[in-house]
Amino acid sequence: MYNPLITWSPDQSARLLERFEADAAEIDNGGPDALPLAICYWLGFPEFREYLGPWRDDTAALYALLHVHERAVTALIIAAEEIDLDGGAFHVAGRVAVRVFGGEDWRDWRRSARFDTWPDCLGTARANLDPHERAAIDKAEHTLGRLNARLQIRDMRAASLRDELQLSHECKLRDAWNMLSDFQRAVMRAALARKAFNAESRQTRTELYREAYGRRPRGLTSAERNDFADLALRGLMESRRGGGGGCWLSYSGRELVERTEAPCRDVMKGH
């Protein structure tokens, strides 16, 4: 989800900070929405973390997210113990979530997963955790299921928060896509069409040009070579030089083109 082109605007950051702080207060107050919100932040913490991007982009909003997650963990522990369930596993599993997704290298954990919610977002990397931590995560999942079954919790506020973040993210992706040149968008679509997603499936610049425009180039212009270099600088494409070299979409580049454009052939008259 995170893309290196994308940052929150000051207004968006302020709204997120206000939202996280208000939700933390509501969880602490213990009203009717407190437990649904706690479950929202328990399950959605990695997803919300990804929307914020790296530490340097918005430290205040990230700290507010970490705080509301901490309050959510405490609320789940209390709710479980009030109906004679052991809530201690939430404490351990919550610490693991913050350790894995609270820092700079959370994307390394996300590459093996098909799901966004905690702890399914760990994917196969879950097996690499300490056995004690894996056991705590398993127990917390079981306890959450029993808690939800006993209390019949409805999570309307969680859906609202996810929709709000998702909409902002989609708008930022479109803005990032529109910042690129026509040529850059064309070669990224071509890389997607050729499934160039790693070094093994790399494509030469000539192959990407031919996929995009339906013919071989007479030779890349200086502007086109600069556009390729700019995609690499933005973290959207990776490459291998030398004989047998080529280009492929990075994790962020693939997400950007998949979420903003369907794969298609971009034939431009006179190019």
C-alpha atoms as a PDB file:
ATOM      1  CA  MET A   1       0.000   0.000   0.000  1.00  0.00           C
ATOM      2  CA  TYR A   2       2.721   2.480   0.908  1.00  0.00           C
ATOM      3  CA  ASN A   3       4.236   4.198  -2.101  1.00  0.00           C
ATOM      4  CA  PRO A   4       7.387   6.367  -1.914  1.00  0.00           C
ATOM      5  CA  LEU A   5       5.744   9.075  -4.019  1.00  0.00           C
ATOM      6  CA  ILE A   6       2.976   9.573  -1.498  1.00  0.00           C
ATOM      7  CA  THR A   7       2.936  11.770   1.584  1.00  0.00           C
ATOM      8  CA  TRP A   8       0.079  13.121   3.647  1.00  0.00           C
ATOM      9  CA  SER A   9      -0.776  16.797   3.235  1.00  0.00           C
ATOM     10  CA  PRO A  10      -0.747  18.921   6.418  1.00  0.00           C
ATOM     11  CA  ASP A  11      -4.566  18.961   6.433  1.00  0.00           C
ATOM     12  CA  GLN A  12      -4.796  15.183   6.036  1.00  0.00           C
ATOM     13  CA  SER A  13      -2.212  14.656   8.767  1.00  0.00           C
ATOM     14  CA  ALA A  14      -4.085  16.945  11.136  1.00  0.00           C
ATOM     15  CA  ARG A  15      -7.354  15.096  10.497  1.00  0.00           C
ATOM     16  CA  LEU A  16      -5.729  11.725  11.089  1.00  0.00           C
ATOM     17  CA  LEU A  17      -4.070  12.928  14.272  1.00  0.00           C
ATOM     18  CA  GLU A  18      -7.393  14.286  15.523  1.00  0.00           C
ATOM     19  CA  ARG A  19      -9.173  11.050  14.595  1.00  0.00           C
ATOM     20  CA  PHE A  20      -6.650   8.794  16.356  1.00  0.00           C
ATOM     21  CA  GLU A  21      -6.675  10.948  19.481  1.00  0.00           C
ATOM     22  CA  ALA A  22     -10.485  11.039  19.593  1.00  0.00           C
ATOM     23  CA  ASP A  23     -10.715   7.262  19.159  1.00  0.00           C
ATOM     24  CA  ALA A  24      -8.169   6.681  21.938  1.00  0.00           C
ATOM     25  CA  ALA A  25     -10.284   8.853  24.259  1.00  0.00           C
ATOM     26  CA  GLU A  26     -13.456   7.012  23.281  1.00  0.00           C
ATOM     27  CA  ILE A  27     -11.861   3.625  23.961  1.00  0.00           C
ATOM     28  CA  ASP A  28     -10.733   4.865  27.380  1.00  0.00           C
ATOM     29  CA  ASN A  29     -14.222   6.196  28.173  1.00  0.00           C
ATOM     30  CA  GLY A  30     -15.702   2.729  27.693  1.00  0.00           C
ATOM     31  CA  GLY A  31     -18.845   3.759  25.799  1.00  0.00           C
ATOM     32  CA  PRO A  32     -20.844   1.543  23.422  1.00  0.00           C
ATOM     33  CA  ASP A  33     -18.362   2.109  20.587  1.00  0.00           C
ATOM     34  CA  ALA A  34     -15.275   1.457  22.703  1.00  0.00           C
ATOM     35  CA  LEU A  35     -14.925  -2.287  22.125  1.00  0.00           C
ATOM     36  CA  PRO A  36     -15.716  -2.176  18.384  1.00  0.00           C
ATOM     37  CA  LEU A  37     -13.082   0.547  18.049  1.00  0.00           C
ATOM     38  CA  ALA A  38     -10.584  -1.499  20.049  1.00  0.00           C
ATOM     39  CA  ILE A  39     -11.113  -4.465  17.724  1.00  0.00           C
ATOM     40  CA  CYS A  40     -10.816  -2.125  14.736  1.00  0.00           C
ATOM     41  CA  TYR A  41      -7.363  -0.975  15.824  1.00  0.00           C
ATOM     42  CA  TRP A  42      -6.300  -4.472  16.891  1.00  0.00           C
ATOM     43  CA  LEU A  43      -7.108  -5.985  13.501  1.00  0.00           C
ATOM     44  CA  GLY A  44      -6.345  -2.922  11.388  1.00  0.00           C
ATOM     45  CA  PHE A  45      -3.107  -1.662  12.956  1.00  0.00           C
ATOM     46  CA  PRO A  46      -0.794  -2.923  10.142  1.00  0.00           C
ATOM     47  CA  GLU A  47      -3.123  -1.540   7.471  1.00  0.00           C
ATOM     48  CA  PHE A  48      -3.355   1.872   9.144  1.00  0.00           C
ATOM     49  CA  ARG A  49       0.433   1.795   9.654  1.00  0.00           C
ATOM     50  CA  GLU A  50       0.970   1.301   5.944  1.00  0.00           C
ATOM     51  CA  TYR A  51      -1.233   4.240   5.053  1.00  0.00           C
ATOM     52  CA  LEU A  52       1.021   6.521   7.103  1.00  0.00           C
ATOM     53  CA  GLY A  53       4.215   5.539   5.271  1.00  0.00           C
ATOM     54  CA  PRO A  54       7.688   5.928   6.833  1.00  0.00           C
ATOM     55  CA  TRP A  55       8.438   7.494  10.201  1.00  0.00           C
ATOM     56  CA  ARG A  56       9.804  10.699   8.708  1.00  0.00           C
ATOM     57  CA  ASP A  57       6.572  11.529   6.855  1.00  0.00           C
ATOM     58  CA  ASP A  58       4.285  12.081   9.834  1.00  0.00           C
ATOM     59  CA  THR A  59       5.704  11.308  13.245  1.00  0.00           C
ATOM     60  CA  ALA A  60       2.821  12.902  15.176  1.00  0.00           C
ATOM     61  CA  ALA A  61       0.114  10.837  13.466  1.00  0.00           C
ATOM     62  CA  LEU A  62       2.192   7.679  13.806  1.00  0.00           C
ATOM     63  CA  TYR A  63       2.700   8.192  17.533  1.00  0.00           C
ATOM     64  CA  ALA A  64      -1.041   8.825  17.867  1.00  0.00           C
ATOM     65  CA  LEU A  65      -1.705   5.533  16.057  1.00  0.00           C
ATOM     66  CA  LEU A  66       0.683   3.691  18.383  1.00  0.00           C
ATOM     67  CA  HIS A  67      -1.105   5.251  21.365  1.00  0.00           C
ATOM     68  CA  VAL A  68      -4.611   4.288  20.225  1.00  0.00           C
ATOM     69  CA  HIS A  69      -3.353   0.765  19.505  1.00  0.00           C
ATOM     70  CA  GLU A  70      -1.997   0.550  23.053  1.00  0.00           C
ATOM     71  CA  ARG A  71      -5.363   1.670  24.437  1.00  0.00           C
ATOM     72  CA  ALA A  72      -7.103  -0.898  22.215  1.00  0.00           C
ATOM     73  CA  VAL A  73      -4.927  -3.712  23.588  1.00  0.00           C
ATOM     74  CA  THR A  74      -5.729  -2.664  27.163  1.00  0.00           C
ATOM     75  CA  ALA A  75      -9.459  -2.528  26.391  1.00  0.00           C
ATOM     76  CA  LEU A  76      -9.391  -6.041  24.915  1.00  0.00           C
ATOM     77  CA  ILE A  77      -7.558  -7.417  27.951  1.00  0.00           C
ATOM     78  CA  ILE A  78     -10.141  -5.891  30.287  1.00  0.00           C
ATOM     79  CA  ALA A  79     -13.117  -7.018  28.183  1.00  0.00           C
ATOM     80  CA  ALA A  80     -11.809 -10.590  28.031  1.00  0.00           C
ATOM     81  CA  GLU A  81     -11.192 -10.804  31.772  1.00  0.00           C
ATOM     82  CA  GLU A  82     -14.649  -9.385  32.537  1.00  0.00           C
ATOM     83  CA  ILE A  83     -16.216 -12.495  31.001  1.00  0.00           C
ATOM     84  CA  ASP A  84     -13.664 -14.861  32.537  1.00  0.00           C
ATOM     85  CA  LEU A  85     -11.402 -15.196  29.507  1.00  0.00           C
ATOM     86  CA  ASP A  86      -7.614 -14.886  29.677  1.00  0.00           C
ATOM     87  CA  GLY A  87      -6.679 -11.598  28.028  1.00  0.00           C
ATOM     88  CA  GLY A  88      -2.945 -11.803  28.682  1.00  0.00           C
ATOM     89  CA  ALA A  89      -2.161 -13.011  25.168  1.00  0.00           C
ATOM     90  CA  PHE A  90      -3.355  -9.665  23.783  1.00  0.00           C
ATOM     91  CA  HIS A  91      -0.475  -7.958  25.582  1.00  0.00           C
ATOM     92  CA  VAL A  92       2.207 -10.176  24.037  1.00  0.00           C
ATOM     93  CA  ALA A  93       0.642 -10.279  20.570  1.00  0.00           C
ATOM     94  CA  GLY A  94       0.114  -6.504  20.624  1.00  0.00           C
ATOM     95  CA  ARG A  95       3.799  -5.951  21.415  1.00  0.00           C
ATOM     96  CA  VAL A  96       4.731  -8.153  18.449  1.00  0.00           C
ATOM     97  CA  ALA A  97       2.476  -6.103  16.140  1.00  0.00           C
ATOM     98  CA  VAL A  98       4.139  -2.865  17.230  1.00  0.00           C
ATOM     99  CA  ARG A  99       7.636  -4.337  16.936  1.00  0.00           C
ATOM    100  CA  VAL A 100       6.996  -5.681  13.447  1.00  0.00           C
ATOM    101  CA  PHE A 101       4.919  -2.853  11.987  1.00  0.00           C
ATOM    102  CA  GLY A 102       5.853   0.137  14.126  1.00  0.00           C
ATOM    103  CA  GLY A 103       9.278   0.730  12.574  1.00  0.00           C
ATOM    104  CA  GLU A 104      10.773   1.333   9.155  1.00  0.00           C
ATOM    105  CA  ASP A 105      11.004  -2.201   7.770  1.00  0.00           C
ATOM    106  CA  TRP A 106       7.384  -3.333   8.088  1.00  0.00           C
ATOM    107  CA  ARG A 107       7.176  -3.843   4.297  1.00  0.00           C
ATOM    108  CA  ASP A 108       9.543  -6.803   4.511  1.00  0.00           C
ATOM    109  CA  TRP A 109       6.889  -8.640   6.549  1.00  0.00           C
ATOM    110  CA  ARG A 110       4.042  -7.744   4.203  1.00  0.00           C
ATOM    111  CA  ARG A 111       5.504  -9.278   1.060  1.00  0.00           C
ATOM    112  CA  SER A 112       4.537 -12.821   2.034  1.00  0.00           C
ATOM    113  CA  ALA A 113       0.905 -12.089   2.931  1.00  0.00           C
ATOM    114  CA  ARG A 114      -2.388 -11.890   1.067  1.00  0.00           C
ATOM    115  CA  PHE A 115      -4.335 -10.199   3.874  1.00  0.00           C
ATOM    116  CA  ASP A 116      -4.234  -6.761   5.486  1.00  0.00           C
ATOM    117  CA  THR A 117      -5.509  -7.479   9.000  1.00  0.00           C
ATOM    118  CA  TRP A 118      -3.553  -8.582  12.047  1.00  0.00           C
ATOM    119  CA  PRO A 119      -2.206 -11.240  12.368  1.00  0.00           C
ATOM    120  CA  ASP A 120      -3.077 -12.722   8.936  1.00  0.00           C
ATOM    121  CA  CYS A 121      -0.972  -9.962   7.350  1.00  0.00           C
ATOM    122  CA  LEU A 122       2.154 -11.787   8.557  1.00  0.00           C
ATOM    123  CA  GLY A 123       1.598 -14.501   5.967  1.00  0.00           C
ATOM    124  CA  THR A 124       4.321 -17.124   5.861  1.00  0.00           C
ATOM    125  CA  ALA A 125       6.619 -14.835   7.883  1.00  0.00           C
ATOM    126  CA  ARG A 126       4.562 -15.794  10.916  1.00  0.00           C
ATOM    127  CA  ALA A 127       6.559 -19.016  11.104  1.00  0.00           C
ATOM    128  CA  ASN A 128       9.736 -16.975  11.701  1.00  0.00           C
ATOM    129  CA  LEU A 129       8.498 -15.561  15.002  1.00  0.00           C
ATOM    130  CA  ASP A 130       9.586 -16.818  18.387  1.00  0.00           C
ATOM    131  CA  PRO A 131       7.467 -19.870  19.405  1.00  0.00           C
ATOM    132  CA  HIS A 132       6.244 -18.032  22.518  1.00  0.00           C
ATOM    133  CA  GLU A 133       5.087 -15.128  20.354  1.00  0.00           C
ATOM    134  CA  ARG A 134       3.365 -17.416  17.854  1.00  0.00           C
ATOM    135  CA  ALA A 135       1.542 -19.155  20.699  1.00  0.00           C
ATOM    136  CA  ALA A 136       0.407 -15.805  22.121  1.00  0.00           C
ATOM    137  CA  ILE A 137      -0.880 -14.668  18.721  1.00  0.00           C
ATOM    138  CA  ASP A 138      -2.798 -17.924  18.273  1.00  0.00           C
ATOM    139  CA  LYS A 139      -4.319 -17.600  21.740  1.00  0.00           C
ATOM    140  CA  ALA A 140      -5.242 -13.950  21.179  1.00  0.00           C
ATOM    141  CA  GLU A 141      -7.018 -14.916  17.932  1.00  0.00           C
ATOM    142  CA  HIS A 142      -8.977 -17.607  19.761  1.00  0.00           C
ATOM    143  CA  THR A 143      -9.864 -15.261  22.633  1.00  0.00           C
ATOM    144  CA  LEU A 144     -10.972 -12.519  20.230  1.00  0.00           C
ATOM    145  CA  GLY A 145     -13.269 -14.981  18.477  1.00  0.00           C
ATOM    146  CA  ARG A 146     -14.846 -16.053  21.766  1.00  0.00           C
ATOM    147  CA  LEU A 147     -15.116 -12.443  22.916  1.00  0.00           C
ATOM    148  CA  ASN A 148     -16.861 -11.431  19.723  1.00  0.00           C
ATOM    149  CA  ALA A 149     -19.214 -14.420  19.872  1.00  0.00           C
ATOM    150  CA  ARG A 150     -20.162 -13.705  23.485  1.00  0.00           C
ATOM    151  CA  LEU A 151     -20.703  -9.966  23.066  1.00  0.00           C
ATOM    152  CA  GLN A 152     -22.020  -9.899  19.455  1.00  0.00           C
ATOM    153  CA  ILE A 153     -19.868  -6.884  18.604  1.00  0.00           C
ATOM    154  CA  ARG A 154     -20.768  -4.801  15.558  1.00  0.00           C
ATOM    155  CA  ASP A 155     -17.931  -2.908  13.910  1.00  0.00           C
ATOM    156  CA  MET A 156     -19.546  -0.056  11.962  1.00  0.00           C
ATOM    157  CA  ARG A 157     -17.023   2.557  13.144  1.00  0.00           C
ATOM    158  CA  ALA A 158     -14.122   0.377  12.045  1.00  0.00           C
ATOM    159  CA  ALA A 159     -15.529   0.121   8.537  1.00  0.00           C
ATOM    160  CA  SER A 160     -15.957   3.903   8.462  1.00  0.00           C
ATOM    161  CA  LEU A 161     -12.326   4.499   9.462  1.00  0.00           C
ATOM    162  CA  ARG A 162     -10.985   2.010   6.917  1.00  0.00           C
ATOM    163  CA  ASP A 163     -13.116   3.581   4.168  1.00  0.00           C
ATOM    164  CA  GLU A 164     -11.837   7.042   5.082  1.00  0.00           C
ATOM    165  CA  LEU A 165      -8.201   5.971   4.971  1.00  0.00           C
ATOM    166  CA  GLN A 166      -8.718   3.940   1.803  1.00  0.00           C
ATOM    167  CA  LEU A 167     -10.307   6.875  -0.012  1.00  0.00           C
ATOM    168  CA  SER A 168      -7.447   9.206   0.952  1.00  0.00           C
ATOM    169  CA  HIS A 169      -4.926   6.584  -0.162  1.00  0.00           C
ATOM    170  CA  GLU A 170      -6.611   6.108  -3.550  1.00  0.00           C
ATOM    171  CA  CYS A 171      -6.616   9.883  -4.116  1.00  0.00           C
ATOM    172  CA  LYS A 172      -2.902  10.057  -3.336  1.00  0.00           C
ATOM    173  CA  LEU A 173      -2.164   7.188  -5.687  1.00  0.00           C
ATOM    174  CA  ARG A 174      -3.968   8.966  -8.516  1.00  0.00           C
ATOM    175  CA  ASP A 175      -2.030  12.165  -7.799  1.00  0.00           C
ATOM    176  CA  ALA A 176       1.254  10.225  -7.828  1.00  0.00           C
ATOM    177  CA  TRP A 177       0.332   8.554 -11.132  1.00  0.00           C
ATOM    178  CA  ASN A 178      -0.513  11.896 -12.705  1.00  0.00           C
ATOM    179  CA  MET A 179       2.889  13.281 -11.701  1.00  0.00           C
ATOM    180  CA  LEU A 180       4.594  10.866 -14.110  1.00  0.00           C
ATOM    181  CA  SER A 181       5.222  11.576 -17.781  1.00  0.00           C
ATOM    182  CA  ASP A 182       3.207   9.856 -20.517  1.00  0.00           C
ATOM    183  CA  PHE A 183       6.263   7.789 -21.377  1.00  0.00           C
ATOM    184  CA  GLN A 184       6.774   6.672 -17.770  1.00  0.00           C
ATOM    185  CA  ARG A 185       3.148   5.601 -17.448  1.00  0.00           C
ATOM    186  CA  ALA A 186       3.390   3.737 -20.748  1.00  0.00           C
ATOM    187  CA  VAL A 187       6.467   1.703 -19.777  1.00  0.00           C
ATOM    188  CA  MET A 188       5.003   0.928 -16.348  1.00  0.00           C
ATOM    189  CA  ARG A 189       1.838  -0.396 -17.991  1.00  0.00           C
ATOM    190  CA  ALA A 190       4.059  -2.402 -20.324  1.00  0.00           C
ATOM    191  CA  ALA A 191       5.997  -3.875 -17.387  1.00  0.00           C
ATOM    192  CA  LEU A 192       2.709  -4.853 -15.756  1.00  0.00           C
ATOM    193  CA  ALA A 193       1.461  -6.443 -18.979  1.00  0.00           C
ATOM    194  CA  ARG A 194       4.718  -8.429 -19.290  1.00  0.00           C
ATOM    195  CA  LYS A 195       4.523  -9.393 -15.578  1.00  0.00           C
ATOM    196  CA  ALA A 196       7.966  -7.919 -14.931  1.00  0.00           C
ATOM    197  CA  PHE A 197       7.825  -8.090 -11.136  1.00  0.00           C
ATOM    198  CA  ASN A 198      11.295  -9.341 -10.184  1.00  0.00           C
ATOM    199  CA  ALA A 199      14.777  -9.968 -11.545  1.00  0.00           C
ATOM    200  CA  GLU A 200      13.745 -13.333 -12.984  1.00  0.00           C
ATOM    201  CA  SER A 201      10.986 -11.748 -15.106  1.00  0.00           C
ATOM    202  CA  ARG A 202      12.970  -8.601 -16.024  1.00  0.00           C
ATOM    203  CA  GLN A 203      12.481  -6.958 -19.415  1.00  0.00           C
ATOM    204  CA  THR A 204      14.897  -4.861 -21.408  1.00  0.00           C
ATOM    205  CA  ARG A 205      14.041  -1.239 -22.123  1.00  0.00           C
ATOM    206  CA  THR A 206      13.574  -2.174 -25.764  1.00  0.00           C
ATOM    207  CA  GLU A 207      11.082  -4.907 -24.841  1.00  0.00           C
ATOM    208  CA  LEU A 208       9.106  -2.513 -22.655  1.00  0.00           C
ATOM    209  CA  TYR A 209       9.092   0.120 -25.398  1.00  0.00           C
ATOM    210  CA  ARG A 210       7.844  -2.430 -27.935  1.00  0.00           C
ATOM    211  CA  GLU A 211       5.123  -3.617 -25.527  1.00  0.00           C
ATOM    212  CA  ALA A 212       4.018  -0.028 -24.941  1.00  0.00           C
ATOM    213  CA  TYR A 213       4.116   1.288 -28.494  1.00  0.00           C
ATOM    214  CA  GLY A 214       3.884  -1.770 -30.721  1.00  0.00           C
ATOM    215  CA  ARG A 215       7.267  -1.280 -32.415  1.00  0.00           C
ATOM    216  CA  ARG A 216      10.961  -1.295 -31.635  1.00  0.00           C
ATOM    217  CA  PRO A 217      12.560   2.069 -30.864  1.00  0.00           C
ATOM    218  CA  ARG A 218      15.176   3.474 -33.217  1.00  0.00           C
ATOM    219  CA  GLY A 219      17.056   4.273 -30.027  1.00  0.00           C
ATOM    220  CA  LEU A 220      15.936   5.830 -26.780  1.00  0.00           C
ATOM    221  CA  THR A 221      16.051   9.607 -26.672  1.00  0.00           C
ATOM    222  CA  SER A 222      17.800  11.449 -23.876  1.00  0.00           C
ATOM    223  CA  ALA A 223      14.413  12.332 -22.344  1.00  0.00           C
ATOM    224  CA  GLU A 224      13.326   8.680 -22.392  1.00  0.00           C
ATOM    225  CA  ARG A 225      16.559   7.526 -20.758  1.00  0.00           C
ATOM    226  CA  ASN A 226      16.064  10.193 -18.098  1.00  0.00           C
ATOM    227  CA  ASP A 227      12.489   8.987 -17.547  1.00  0.00           C
ATOM    228  CA  PHE A 228      13.735   5.443 -16.918  1.00  0.00           C
ATOM    229  CA  ALA A 229      16.319   6.787 -14.464  1.00  0.00           C
ATOM    230  CA  ASP A 230      13.661   8.876 -12.726  1.00  0.00           C
ATOM    231  CA  LEU A 231      11.438   5.816 -12.218  1.00  0.00           C
ATOM    232  CA  ALA A 232      14.341   4.113 -10.474  1.00  0.00           C
ATOM    233  CA  LEU A 233      15.015   7.170  -8.310  1.00  0.00           C
ATOM    234  CA  ARG A 234      11.361   7.235  -7.279  1.00  0.00           C
ATOM    235  CA  GLY A 235      11.582   3.583  -6.263  1.00  0.00           C
ATOM    236  CA  LEU A 236       9.027   2.494  -8.844  1.00  0.00           C
ATOM    237  CA  MET A 237      11.310   0.351 -11.005  1.00  0.00           C
ATOM    238  CA  GLU A 238      14.387  -1.726 -10.307  1.00  0.00           C
ATOM    239  CA  SER A 239      17.030  -2.863 -12.779  1.00  0.00           C
ATOM    240  CA  ARG A 240      20.018  -5.061 -13.364  1.00  0.00           C
ATOM    241  CA  ARG A 241      22.824  -3.721 -15.550  1.00  0.00           C
ATOM    242  CA  GLY A 242      25.170  -5.450 -17.945  1.00  0.00           C
ATOM    243  CA  GLY A 243      24.644  -8.423 -20.221  1.00  0.00           C
ATOM    244  CA  GLY A 244      21.294 -10.048 -19.564  1.00  0.00           C
ATOM    245  CA  GLY A 245      20.148  -6.986 -17.622  1.00  0.00           C
ATOM    246  CA  GLY A 246      16.715  -5.466 -17.602  1.00  0.00           C
ATOM    247  CA  CYS A 247      14.006  -3.678 -15.624  1.00  0.00           C
ATOM    248  CA  TRP A 248      11.065  -4.692 -13.478  1.00  0.00           C
ATOM    249  CA  LEU A 249       8.422  -3.012 -11.362  1.00  0.00           C
ATOM    250  CA  SER A 250       9.241  -2.602  -7.695  1.00  0.00           C
ATOM    251  CA  TYR A 251       6.714  -3.530  -5.023  1.00  0.00           C
ATOM    252  CA  SER A 252       5.594   0.130  -4.882  1.00  0.00           C
ATOM    253  CA  GLY A 253       5.596   0.531  -8.662  1.00  0.00           C
ATOM    254  CA  ARG A 254       3.450  -2.532  -9.187  1.00  0.00           C
ATOM    255  CA  GLU A 255       0.934  -1.302  -6.641  1.00  0.00           C
ATOM    256  CA  LEU A 256       0.807   2.143  -8.210  1.00  0.00           C
ATOM    257  CA  VAL A 257       0.078   0.922 -11.736  1.00  0.00           C
ATOM    258  CA  GLU A 258      -2.272  -1.874 -10.617  1.00  0.00           C
ATOM    259  CA  ARG A 259      -4.354   0.469  -8.506  1.00  0.00           C
ATOM    260  CA  THR A 260      -4.574   3.314 -11.006  1.00  0.00           C
ATOM    261  CA  GLU A 261      -4.514   1.771 -14.488  1.00  0.00           C
ATOM    262  CA  ALA A 262      -5.640  -1.470 -16.052  1.00  0.00           C
ATOM    263  CA  PRO A 263      -2.922  -3.086 -18.186  1.00  0.00           C
ATOM    264  CA  CYS A 264      -3.244  -1.839 -21.733  1.00  0.00           C
ATOM    265  CA  ARG A 265      -1.178  -1.011 -24.797  1.00  0.00           C
ATOM    266  CA  ASP A 266      -0.394   2.703 -24.927  1.00  0.00           C
ATOM    267  CA  VAL A 267       0.161   3.406 -28.613  1.00  0.00           C
ATOM    268  CA  MET A 268       0.971   7.057 -29.138  1.00  0.00           C
ATOM    269  CA  LYS A 269       0.803   8.535 -32.594  1.00  0.00           C
ATOM    270  CA  GLY A 270       4.094   9.872 -33.840  1.00  0.00           C
ATOM    271  CA  HIS A 271       6.119   8.786 -30.793  1.00  0.00           C
END
